[in-house]
Amino acid sequence: MAKKPYDTPMLDQLESGPWPSFVTGLKRLAADKDYMVDLMGQLEHSYTTRKGYWKGGTVGVYGYGGGVIPRFSEVASQFPLSSEFHTLRVQPPPGMHYTTDVLRKMCDIWEEHGSGLIAFHGQSGDIMFQGATTAKVQDAFDAINEIGFDLGGAGPAVRTSMSCVGAARCEQSCFDEARAHRQVLNTFTDDIHRPALPYKFKFKFSGCANDCMNSIQRADMAVIGTWRDNIRTDEALARKWVAKHGMTELVNDVISRCPTKTIMLKEAKDVSTGPKISSVAINDTQCLEIDNGNCVRCMHCINVMTGALAHGTDTGATILVGGKRTLKIGDLMGTVIVPFMPLKTDEDFEALVELGQKTIDFFAENALEHERTGEMIERIGLVNFLEGIDVEVDPNMVATPRTNPYVRTDGWDDEVAKINARKAAAA
């Protein structure tokens, strides 16, 4: 006989709003699993007392040191069937591509071995199979592994990576995110399964500066697509866009929102020429002029005028290190380490993996316990970090050069040319 549900007035109230509620899903599962009846009873109890009753512990599968999040109830005497509610973190495929057949198999596995509650995807990027007893964790993993999926990271380890759909479906993609994701993670699989770092280390791969993976503020190593040649233009689409949206929207939503005032509206006869200038006619008398030398590749104009404007063809990625959420010193955004890395050949992807390996090795040897990469860099200094991973200092590492009164960027190209000439002469 199915267990009688607990009275859950506070949970019931969560179903009263206009949006779908997780409570409805829990009730549906509870209709078939007594396990979930007690879970709802404990959750109602937590809401009533305003206190959480889950504690950690040690639960794992053979050969792995991470990937399972243990949860033991502190009120097991009141809700005995939900005394254990462990979560299996499972790595998603690059770009989060699934077939319906695979999704059905995952659901069947978790209905058999767990609670039936699955999250696509958790904050970590993993598929979260939530709710299993200690006795069923190994069986659930074996079944998941059998269909080709592996556990993700947990604890002080390399964590599960995330990549956007990118090159598979998005015209803004600047490199093969799925290949980069897979190659990096295959290299660090042992560091995922067997935690041995001071704290967590995350990779994220975004195909362009729109950064759909939130990598710049959430990843210890962020790989973000970019380009280094000129923005491409399409006159027919530009004229069509202006005819539809009008000059007011062009000025207010494109030109005035350019962070470095790179885009200007000019009479056709006044448009400049040069190797870093892009221009496109928007009607019979006016043109948009783009000074690519000042463009910071923020993507805003391309997002608004998609097709009329497009990223260049000399594509690759910018590598940033040190992004994270609040821990010891507050939120940090990643610091540019490599302004441009081409990602086209086998050698290019191997160079990315090598940089990741150097960064993780340095982090493992120099970070304090429970310290993220960004906090380590803040503590020891960026120069020491760059020396440790064998990367030369670059002007692009200045966080906000246009707002720093002590840094002038004009004439840098000439100075770099002089330095390179001296190096060549000395060699």
Foldseek 3Di string as FASTA:
>chain_A
DQDDADDQVPLVVQPPDPDHDVSVVLVVLSVPDSLSSLVSVQVSVCVVVVHDFWDFDDADEPPFRFQKTWTAGNVCVVRVSPRTKMKGFWAAAAQNDDDVVLVVQLQVLCSVFASSDWDCVDPLRTTISIGGDRVRPHVSQVSNVVVPIDGFADWQFETHEYEHNAPVDDPQFQADQNVLNVVLCVVRVVRRGYPQFLTYAYEYEYRALVPPVPCQAAHQKYWHKAAQAEKDFDQVLLLVLCVVPHPVCCVPQPQVPQPQNQKDKDFPVPADDDRQWDWYDNDDTIIIIGRNVRHPRNCRNCVSSPPRIGGDNRMFTWMFGAHHADDPPGGDGTFTQRGGQHHDDPVSSVVVSLLVVQLRVCNRVQPHRPDGSNRSCVVPHVVVSCVSSVGDDDPSRPPDQVPDPVHDDPPPVVVVVVVVVVVVVVD
